[in-house]
Amino acid sequence: MIRIEGLHKRFVQGRGRRARVVDAVRGVTLEAIDGRITALLGPNGAGKTTVLRMVAALLSPDQGRIEVDGVDVATRPRDALARLGVLSDARGLYPRLTARENIVYHARLHGMARAAADARAQALARTLDFEPLLDRRTEGFSQGERMKTALARALVHDPPNLVLDEPTNGLDVQSIRGLRQALRRLRDEHGKCIVFCTHIMQEVQRLCDHVVVMARGRAVAEGSVDELCRASGQDDFEQAFVDLAFGGDRGHGA
């Protein structure tokens, strides 16, 4: 479970007289529970990635609290990260290493023995359907192949919580379908808490159980897709999102 309470983050943009303070995240509170895929849905610049970077201890909040399975990220970051798998938009694979070596290296950083790390890499490659790629260098991998390797790397220490930042960016249809199947399996068979950050409404409709709509640094609505449609009085989820995120300004995204 990931719990966020009253989260704030500010950045200073520019220098000197042109400097200005930007409130990237303004009082976000949300709860992502086990066995559920929770979406952070919002336009670019809504603060979604900033929230996830604070969950992953890559940024420190100016105010608020983040807990991963009851562990405070600010005061016990190593313990929190041990219970968290992170798949960022910048996948960061080492191109000269094979898929197996990338995964095993990450496992060793988590303190796993070499034999256990190797076995885990093999099992994840089977689960995510990329066994033929295991002993190939990741240099030259397609976006889908890189995504599967990065996802295996994030899961190598079997964390109960998984955070994904725009994981479908640049993927073809088959790769997106494969990712959906993998995430559903992790939710249904392993009870993982999955937080899925995106601005693509179709992915939310097909994959996510709970949706937090973000706009201008705030969480402005939450619920299932059906609940959000009812709350906005819309049958179409895209229009429901526009109403909730932009206050009914139909000019956005038209």
C-alpha atoms as a PDB file:
ATOM      1  CA  MET A   1       0.000   0.000   0.000  1.00  0.00           C
ATOM      2  CA  ILE A   2       1.172   3.517  -0.845  1.00  0.00           C
ATOM      3  CA  ARG A   3      -0.278   6.385   1.182  1.00  0.00           C
ATOM      4  CA  ILE A   4       0.320  10.055   0.366  1.00  0.00           C
ATOM      5  CA  GLU A   5      -0.892  12.852   2.638  1.00  0.00           C
ATOM      6  CA  GLY A   6      -0.815  16.596   1.941  1.00  0.00           C
ATOM      7  CA  LEU A   7       2.085  16.473  -0.501  1.00  0.00           C
ATOM      8  CA  HIS A   8       3.607  19.760  -1.723  1.00  0.00           C
ATOM      9  CA  LYS A   9       6.558  20.467  -4.014  1.00  0.00           C
ATOM     10  CA  ARG A  10       7.827  23.781  -5.374  1.00  0.00           C
ATOM     11  CA  PHE A  11      10.516  24.522  -7.941  1.00  0.00           C
ATOM     12  CA  VAL A  12      12.287  27.755  -8.814  1.00  0.00           C
ATOM     13  CA  GLN A  13      12.467  28.387 -12.543  1.00  0.00           C
ATOM     14  CA  GLY A  14      14.864  30.898 -14.072  1.00  0.00           C
ATOM     15  CA  ARG A  15      17.424  33.127 -12.414  1.00  0.00           C
ATOM     16  CA  GLY A  16      17.655  36.624 -11.043  1.00  0.00           C
ATOM     17  CA  ARG A  17      14.728  38.887 -11.811  1.00  0.00           C
ATOM     18  CA  ARG A  18      13.231  36.257 -14.101  1.00  0.00           C
ATOM     19  CA  ALA A  19      13.114  33.632 -11.373  1.00  0.00           C
ATOM     20  CA  ARG A  20       9.683  32.444 -10.364  1.00  0.00           C
ATOM     21  CA  VAL A  21       8.328  29.838  -7.984  1.00  0.00           C
ATOM     22  CA  VAL A  22       6.224  27.070  -9.532  1.00  0.00           C
ATOM     23  CA  ASP A  23       3.916  24.958  -7.374  1.00  0.00           C
ATOM     24  CA  ALA A  24       4.291  21.596  -9.114  1.00  0.00           C
ATOM     25  CA  VAL A  25       2.356  19.627  -6.483  1.00  0.00           C
ATOM     26  CA  ARG A  26      -0.198  21.295  -4.205  1.00  0.00           C
ATOM     27  CA  GLY A  27      -1.615  19.272  -1.331  1.00  0.00           C
ATOM     28  CA  VAL A  28      -2.035  15.888  -3.007  1.00  0.00           C
ATOM     29  CA  THR A  29      -3.545  13.147  -0.846  1.00  0.00           C
ATOM     30  CA  LEU A  30      -4.228   9.634  -2.146  1.00  0.00           C
ATOM     31  CA  GLU A  31      -4.117   5.975  -1.211  1.00  0.00           C
ATOM     32  CA  ALA A  32      -3.164   3.088  -3.508  1.00  0.00           C
ATOM     33  CA  ILE A  33      -4.104  -0.277  -2.017  1.00  0.00           C
ATOM     34  CA  ASP A  34      -2.856  -3.826  -2.601  1.00  0.00           C
ATOM     35  CA  GLY A  35      -4.390  -5.898  -5.386  1.00  0.00           C
ATOM     36  CA  ARG A  36      -5.460  -2.809  -7.319  1.00  0.00           C
ATOM     37  CA  ILE A  37      -4.107  -0.768 -10.227  1.00  0.00           C
ATOM     38  CA  THR A  38      -4.390   2.925  -9.420  1.00  0.00           C
ATOM     39  CA  ALA A  39      -3.993   5.475 -12.199  1.00  0.00           C
ATOM     40  CA  LEU A  40      -2.677   8.997 -11.856  1.00  0.00           C
ATOM     41  CA  LEU A  41      -4.360  10.584 -14.865  1.00  0.00           C
ATOM     42  CA  GLY A  42      -3.734  14.123 -15.964  1.00  0.00           C
ATOM     43  CA  PRO A  43      -2.414  16.375 -18.718  1.00  0.00           C
ATOM     44  CA  ASN A  44       1.289  17.043 -19.148  1.00  0.00           C
ATOM     45  CA  GLY A  45       2.454  19.313 -16.344  1.00  0.00           C
ATOM     46  CA  ALA A  46      -0.235  18.177 -13.914  1.00  0.00           C
ATOM     47  CA  GLY A  47       2.362  17.013 -11.359  1.00  0.00           C
ATOM     48  CA  LYS A  48       2.037  13.242 -11.863  1.00  0.00           C
ATOM     49  CA  THR A  49       5.710  12.495 -12.442  1.00  0.00           C
ATOM     50  CA  THR A  50       6.769  14.798  -9.600  1.00  0.00           C
ATOM     51  CA  VAL A  51       4.522  12.836  -7.228  1.00  0.00           C
ATOM     52  CA  LEU A  52       6.015   9.516  -8.338  1.00  0.00           C
ATOM     53  CA  ARG A  53       9.570  10.834  -8.017  1.00  0.00           C
ATOM     54  CA  MET A  54       8.828  11.786  -4.428  1.00  0.00           C
ATOM     55  CA  VAL A  55       7.357   8.333  -3.777  1.00  0.00           C
ATOM     56  CA  ALA A  56      10.596   6.842  -5.126  1.00  0.00           C
ATOM     57  CA  ALA A  57      12.692   9.161  -2.890  1.00  0.00           C
ATOM     58  CA  LEU A  58      14.231  10.868  -5.939  1.00  0.00           C
ATOM     59  CA  LEU A  59      12.828  14.205  -4.756  1.00  0.00           C
ATOM     60  CA  SER A  60      12.115  15.427  -1.247  1.00  0.00           C
ATOM     61  CA  PRO A  61       8.689  16.965  -0.612  1.00  0.00           C
ATOM     62  CA  ASP A  62       8.479  20.459   0.799  1.00  0.00           C
ATOM     63  CA  GLN A  63       5.541  19.359   2.906  1.00  0.00           C
ATOM     64  CA  GLY A  64       3.508  16.200   3.458  1.00  0.00           C
ATOM     65  CA  ARG A  65       4.103  12.541   4.138  1.00  0.00           C
ATOM     66  CA  ILE A  66       4.584   9.415   1.997  1.00  0.00           C
ATOM     67  CA  GLU A  67       4.384   5.861   3.355  1.00  0.00           C
ATOM     68  CA  VAL A  68       5.080   2.589   1.561  1.00  0.00           C
ATOM     69  CA  ASP A  69       3.522  -0.275   3.551  1.00  0.00           C
ATOM     70  CA  GLY A  70       3.631   1.946   6.625  1.00  0.00           C
ATOM     71  CA  VAL A  71       7.304   2.888   6.143  1.00  0.00           C
ATOM     72  CA  ASP A  72       7.977   6.628   5.996  1.00  0.00           C
ATOM     73  CA  VAL A  73       9.897   7.428   2.801  1.00  0.00           C
ATOM     74  CA  ALA A  74      11.503  10.573   4.243  1.00  0.00           C
ATOM     75  CA  THR A  75      12.932   8.997   7.397  1.00  0.00           C
ATOM     76  CA  ARG A  76      13.540   5.412   6.179  1.00  0.00           C
ATOM     77  CA  PRO A  77      14.098   5.646   2.419  1.00  0.00           C
ATOM     78  CA  ARG A  78      16.107   2.417   2.082  1.00  0.00           C
ATOM     79  CA  ASP A  79      13.434   0.381   3.875  1.00  0.00           C
ATOM     80  CA  ALA A  80      10.697   1.989   1.765  1.00  0.00           C
ATOM     81  CA  LEU A  81      12.542   1.399  -1.507  1.00  0.00           C
ATOM     82  CA  ALA A  82      13.067  -2.253  -0.607  1.00  0.00           C
ATOM     83  CA  ARG A  83       9.275  -2.588  -0.846  1.00  0.00           C
ATOM     84  CA  LEU A  84       9.001  -0.630  -4.070  1.00  0.00           C
ATOM     85  CA  GLY A  85       9.701  -1.363  -7.733  1.00  0.00           C
ATOM     86  CA  VAL A  86      10.054   1.679  -9.994  1.00  0.00           C
ATOM     87  CA  LEU A  87       9.704   1.791 -13.771  1.00  0.00           C
ATOM     88  CA  SER A  88      10.487   5.328 -14.922  1.00  0.00           C
ATOM     89  CA  ASP A  89      10.027   6.846 -18.342  1.00  0.00           C
ATOM     90  CA  ALA A  90      13.814   7.000 -18.745  1.00  0.00           C
ATOM     91  CA  ARG A  91      14.421   3.265 -18.620  1.00  0.00           C
ATOM     92  CA  GLY A  92      18.187   3.560 -18.055  1.00  0.00           C
ATOM     93  CA  LEU A  93      19.354   0.125 -19.195  1.00  0.00           C
ATOM     94  CA  TYR A  94      23.071  -0.454 -19.661  1.00  0.00           C
ATOM     95  CA  PRO A  95      23.335  -1.052 -23.438  1.00  0.00           C
ATOM     96  CA  ARG A  96      26.525  -3.144 -23.308  1.00  0.00           C
ATOM     97  CA  LEU A  97      25.000  -5.566 -20.813  1.00  0.00           C
ATOM     98  CA  THR A  98      22.596  -8.339 -21.713  1.00  0.00           C
ATOM     99  CA  ALA A  99      19.042  -8.287 -20.435  1.00  0.00           C
ATOM    100  CA  ARG A 100      20.018 -10.923 -17.875  1.00  0.00           C
ATOM    101  CA  GLU A 101      23.039  -8.922 -16.711  1.00  0.00           C
ATOM    102  CA  ASN A 102      20.939  -5.766 -16.322  1.00  0.00           C
ATOM    103  CA  ILE A 103      18.406  -7.628 -14.194  1.00  0.00           C
ATOM    104  CA  VAL A 104      20.966  -9.543 -12.118  1.00  0.00           C
ATOM    105  CA  TYR A 105      22.999  -6.391 -11.463  1.00  0.00           C
ATOM    106  CA  HIS A 106      19.908  -4.700 -10.036  1.00  0.00           C
ATOM    107  CA  ALA A 107      19.152  -7.789  -7.944  1.00  0.00           C
ATOM    108  CA  ARG A 108      22.657  -7.755  -6.498  1.00  0.00           C
ATOM    109  CA  LEU A 109      22.178  -4.109  -5.500  1.00  0.00           C
ATOM    110  CA  HIS A 110      19.203  -5.310  -3.476  1.00  0.00           C
ATOM    111  CA  GLY A 111      21.430  -7.847  -1.700  1.00  0.00           C
ATOM    112  CA  MET A 112      20.329 -10.983  -3.557  1.00  0.00           C
ATOM    113  CA  ALA A 113      22.803 -13.845  -3.975  1.00  0.00           C
ATOM    114  CA  ARG A 114      24.010 -14.479  -7.541  1.00  0.00           C
ATOM    115  CA  ALA A 115      22.242 -17.827  -7.906  1.00  0.00           C
ATOM    116  CA  ALA A 116      18.947 -16.425  -6.607  1.00  0.00           C
ATOM    117  CA  ALA A 117      19.284 -13.398  -8.888  1.00  0.00           C
ATOM    118  CA  ASP A 118      19.869 -15.608 -11.933  1.00  0.00           C
ATOM    119  CA  ALA A 119      16.864 -17.771 -11.102  1.00  0.00           C
ATOM    120  CA  ARG A 120      14.690 -14.715 -10.580  1.00  0.00           C
ATOM    121  CA  ALA A 121      15.775 -13.197 -13.917  1.00  0.00           C
ATOM    122  CA  GLN A 122      14.874 -16.433 -15.691  1.00  0.00           C
ATOM    123  CA  ALA A 123      11.479 -16.625 -13.972  1.00  0.00           C
ATOM    124  CA  LEU A 124      10.631 -13.017 -14.797  1.00  0.00           C
ATOM    125  CA  ALA A 125      11.644 -13.465 -18.426  1.00  0.00           C
ATOM    126  CA  ARG A 126       9.244 -16.401 -18.581  1.00  0.00           C
ATOM    127  CA  THR A 127       6.439 -14.444 -16.897  1.00  0.00           C
ATOM    128  CA  LEU A 128       6.929 -11.399 -19.146  1.00  0.00           C
ATOM    129  CA  ASP A 129       7.523 -13.515 -22.259  1.00  0.00           C
ATOM    130  CA  PHE A 130      11.008 -12.459 -23.318  1.00  0.00           C
ATOM    131  CA  GLU A 131      13.175 -15.523 -22.583  1.00  0.00           C
ATOM    132  CA  PRO A 132      14.808 -15.495 -26.066  1.00  0.00           C
ATOM    133  CA  LEU A 133      16.161 -12.003 -25.300  1.00  0.00           C
ATOM    134  CA  LEU A 134      17.777 -12.786 -21.953  1.00  0.00           C
ATOM    135  CA  ASP A 135      21.325 -13.244 -23.206  1.00  0.00           C
ATOM    136  CA  ARG A 136      21.284 -10.518 -25.857  1.00  0.00           C
ATOM    137  CA  ARG A 137      22.788  -7.081 -25.248  1.00  0.00           C
ATOM    138  CA  THR A 138      20.076  -4.496 -24.717  1.00  0.00           C
ATOM    139  CA  GLU A 139      21.757  -2.201 -27.248  1.00  0.00           C
ATOM    140  CA  GLY A 140      19.447  -2.267 -30.253  1.00  0.00           C
ATOM    141  CA  PHE A 141      16.422  -3.538 -28.323  1.00  0.00           C
ATOM    142  CA  SER A 142      13.036  -2.246 -29.451  1.00  0.00           C
ATOM    143  CA  GLN A 143      11.021  -0.048 -27.095  1.00  0.00           C
ATOM    144  CA  GLY A 144       8.885  -3.036 -26.134  1.00  0.00           C
ATOM    145  CA  GLU A 145      11.912  -5.220 -25.421  1.00  0.00           C
ATOM    146  CA  ARG A 146      13.471  -2.467 -23.331  1.00  0.00           C
ATOM    147  CA  MET A 147      10.229  -2.018 -21.411  1.00  0.00           C
ATOM    148  CA  LYS A 148      10.015  -5.728 -20.559  1.00  0.00           C
ATOM    149  CA  THR A 149      13.640  -5.779 -19.399  1.00  0.00           C
ATOM    150  CA  ALA A 150      13.143  -2.653 -17.290  1.00  0.00           C
ATOM    151  CA  LEU A 151       9.956  -4.067 -15.782  1.00  0.00           C
ATOM    152  CA  ALA A 152      11.759  -7.295 -14.873  1.00  0.00           C
ATOM    153  CA  ARG A 153      14.522  -5.237 -13.295  1.00  0.00           C
ATOM    154  CA  ALA A 154      11.953  -3.325 -11.217  1.00  0.00           C
ATOM    155  CA  LEU A 155      10.373  -6.597 -10.077  1.00  0.00           C
ATOM    156  CA  VAL A 156      13.537  -8.575  -9.424  1.00  0.00           C
ATOM    157  CA  HIS A 157      13.415  -8.174  -5.630  1.00  0.00           C
ATOM    158  CA  ASP A 158       9.689  -9.087  -5.631  1.00  0.00           C
ATOM    159  CA  PRO A 159       8.435  -5.766  -4.209  1.00  0.00           C
ATOM    160  CA  PRO A 160       4.793  -5.637  -3.098  1.00  0.00           C
ATOM    161  CA  ASN A 161       4.410  -2.173  -4.672  1.00  0.00           C
ATOM    162  CA  LEU A 162       5.091  -1.107  -8.246  1.00  0.00           C
ATOM    163  CA  VAL A 163       5.231   2.433  -9.650  1.00  0.00           C
ATOM    164  CA  LEU A 164       5.163   3.007 -13.420  1.00  0.00           C
ATOM    165  CA  ASP A 165       5.659   6.406 -15.054  1.00  0.00           C
ATOM    166  CA  GLU A 166       4.158   6.565 -18.570  1.00  0.00           C
ATOM    167  CA  PRO A 167       5.208   2.955 -19.353  1.00  0.00           C
ATOM    168  CA  THR A 168       3.427   2.764 -22.729  1.00  0.00           C
ATOM    169  CA  ASN A 169       5.273   5.738 -24.270  1.00  0.00           C
ATOM    170  CA  GLY A 170       6.673   4.717 -27.654  1.00  0.00           C
ATOM    171  CA  LEU A 171       5.318   1.163 -27.542  1.00  0.00           C
ATOM    172  CA  ASP A 172       3.549  -0.551 -30.412  1.00  0.00           C
ATOM    173  CA  VAL A 173       0.136  -2.191 -30.033  1.00  0.00           C
ATOM    174  CA  GLN A 174       1.487  -5.675 -29.299  1.00  0.00           C
ATOM    175  CA  SER A 175       3.898  -4.376 -26.661  1.00  0.00           C
ATOM    176  CA  ILE A 176       1.105  -2.416 -24.969  1.00  0.00           C
ATOM    177  CA  ARG A 177      -1.093  -5.515 -24.927  1.00  0.00           C
ATOM    178  CA  GLY A 178       1.761  -7.524 -23.426  1.00  0.00           C
ATOM    179  CA  LEU A 179       2.294  -4.912 -20.730  1.00  0.00           C
ATOM    180  CA  ARG A 180      -1.404  -4.913 -19.853  1.00  0.00           C
ATOM    181  CA  GLN A 181      -1.411  -8.695 -19.488  1.00  0.00           C
ATOM    182  CA  ALA A 182       1.685  -8.603 -17.288  1.00  0.00           C
ATOM    183  CA  LEU A 183       0.241  -5.934 -14.992  1.00  0.00           C
ATOM    184  CA  ARG A 184      -3.094  -7.735 -14.666  1.00  0.00           C
ATOM    185  CA  ARG A 185      -1.212 -10.907 -13.719  1.00  0.00           C
ATOM    186  CA  LEU A 186       0.807  -9.041 -11.099  1.00  0.00           C
ATOM    187  CA  ARG A 187      -2.407  -7.603  -9.659  1.00  0.00           C
ATOM    188  CA  ASP A 188      -4.569 -10.726  -9.801  1.00  0.00           C
ATOM    189  CA  GLU A 189      -2.075 -13.497  -9.055  1.00  0.00           C
ATOM    190  CA  HIS A 190       0.369 -11.676  -6.810  1.00  0.00           C
ATOM    191  CA  GLY A 191      -1.773  -8.975  -5.197  1.00  0.00           C
ATOM    192  CA  LYS A 192       0.615  -6.150  -6.070  1.00  0.00           C
ATOM    193  CA  CYS A 193      -0.182  -2.513  -5.416  1.00  0.00           C
ATOM    194  CA  ILE A 194       0.398  -0.845  -8.793  1.00  0.00           C
ATOM    195  CA  VAL A 195       0.420   2.895  -9.449  1.00  0.00           C
ATOM    196  CA  PHE A 196       0.198   3.687 -13.139  1.00  0.00           C
ATOM    197  CA  CYS A 197       0.926   7.266 -14.252  1.00  0.00           C
ATOM    198  CA  THR A 198      -0.423   8.260 -17.671  1.00  0.00           C
ATOM    199  CA  HIS A 199      -2.214  10.889 -19.747  1.00  0.00           C
ATOM    200  CA  ILE A 200      -3.775   8.274 -22.058  1.00  0.00           C
ATOM    201  CA  MET A 201      -7.410   7.730 -21.130  1.00  0.00           C
ATOM    202  CA  GLN A 202      -7.830   4.553 -23.170  1.00  0.00           C
ATOM    203  CA  GLU A 203      -5.148   2.833 -21.086  1.00  0.00           C
ATOM    204  CA  VAL A 204      -6.907   3.858 -17.891  1.00  0.00           C
ATOM    205  CA  GLN A 205     -10.245   2.502 -19.124  1.00  0.00           C
ATOM    206  CA  ARG A 206      -8.754  -0.849 -20.111  1.00  0.00           C
ATOM    207  CA  LEU A 207      -6.428  -1.414 -17.197  1.00  0.00           C
ATOM    208  CA  CYS A 208      -7.022   0.594 -14.027  1.00  0.00           C
ATOM    209  CA  ASP A 209      -9.358  -0.098 -11.119  1.00  0.00           C
ATOM    210  CA  HIS A 210      -9.109   3.302  -9.445  1.00  0.00           C
ATOM    211  CA  VAL A 211      -8.338   6.688 -11.001  1.00  0.00           C
ATOM    212  CA  VAL A 212      -6.968   9.856  -9.431  1.00  0.00           C
ATOM    213  CA  VAL A 213      -7.420  12.826 -11.772  1.00  0.00           C
ATOM    214  CA  MET A 214      -4.672  15.420 -11.414  1.00  0.00           C
ATOM    215  CA  ALA A 215      -4.675  18.977 -12.743  1.00  0.00           C
ATOM    216  CA  ARG A 216      -2.485  21.983 -11.916  1.00  0.00           C
ATOM    217  CA  GLY A 217      -0.683  20.100  -9.180  1.00  0.00           C
ATOM    218  CA  ARG A 218      -3.815  18.948  -7.371  1.00  0.00           C
ATOM    219  CA  ALA A 219      -5.838  15.751  -7.135  1.00  0.00           C
ATOM    220  CA  VAL A 220      -9.201  17.072  -8.326  1.00  0.00           C
ATOM    221  CA  ALA A 221     -11.262  13.848  -8.414  1.00  0.00           C
ATOM    222  CA  GLU A 222     -10.967  10.113  -7.811  1.00  0.00           C
ATOM    223  CA  GLY A 223     -12.942   6.914  -8.230  1.00  0.00           C
ATOM    224  CA  SER A 224     -13.495   4.191 -10.805  1.00  0.00           C
ATOM    225  CA  VAL A 225     -14.020   5.135 -14.457  1.00  0.00           C
ATOM    226  CA  ASP A 226     -17.776   4.644 -14.022  1.00  0.00           C
ATOM    227  CA  GLU A 227     -17.827   6.690 -10.811  1.00  0.00           C
ATOM    228  CA  LEU A 228     -15.974   9.564 -12.468  1.00  0.00           C
ATOM    229  CA  CYS A 229     -18.396   9.525 -15.392  1.00  0.00           C
ATOM    230  CA  ARG A 230     -21.349   9.672 -12.999  1.00  0.00           C
ATOM    231  CA  ALA A 231     -19.719  12.455 -10.953  1.00  0.00           C
ATOM    232  CA  SER A 232     -19.308  14.603 -14.056  1.00  0.00           C
ATOM    233  CA  GLY A 233     -22.676  13.670 -15.556  1.00  0.00           C
ATOM    234  CA  GLN A 234     -21.014  12.328 -18.694  1.00  0.00           C
ATOM    235  CA  ASP A 235     -21.302   9.001 -20.513  1.00  0.00           C
ATOM    236  CA  ASP A 236     -18.005   9.480 -22.343  1.00  0.00           C
ATOM    237  CA  PHE A 237     -14.892   9.131 -20.173  1.00  0.00           C
ATOM    238  CA  GLU A 238     -12.849  11.552 -22.263  1.00  0.00           C
ATOM    239  CA  GLN A 239     -15.420  14.295 -21.739  1.00  0.00           C
ATOM    240  CA  ALA A 240     -15.701  13.366 -18.060  1.00  0.00           C
ATOM    241  CA  PHE A 241     -11.949  13.840 -17.744  1.00  0.00           C
ATOM    242  CA  VAL A 242     -12.072  17.233 -19.500  1.00  0.00           C
ATOM    243  CA  ASP A 243     -14.860  18.389 -17.190  1.00  0.00           C
ATOM    244  CA  LEU A 244     -13.054  17.234 -14.063  1.00  0.00           C
ATOM    245  CA  ALA A 245      -9.544  18.362 -15.005  1.00  0.00           C
ATOM    246  CA  PHE A 246     -10.367  21.613 -16.770  1.00  0.00           C
ATOM    247  CA  GLY A 247     -13.645  22.653 -15.202  1.00  0.00           C
ATOM    248  CA  GLY A 248     -15.688  21.807 -18.277  1.00  0.00           C
ATOM    249  CA  ASP A 249     -13.544  23.763 -20.746  1.00  0.00           C
ATOM    250  CA  ARG A 250     -14.426  21.818 -23.883  1.00  0.00           C
ATOM    251  CA  GLY A 251     -11.731  23.593 -25.845  1.00  0.00           C
ATOM    252  CA  HIS A 252      -9.007  21.480 -24.245  1.00  0.00           C
ATOM    253  CA  GLY A 253      -8.027  18.484 -26.335  1.00  0.00           C
ATOM    254  CA  ALA A 254     -10.764  19.151 -28.880  1.00  0.00           C
END
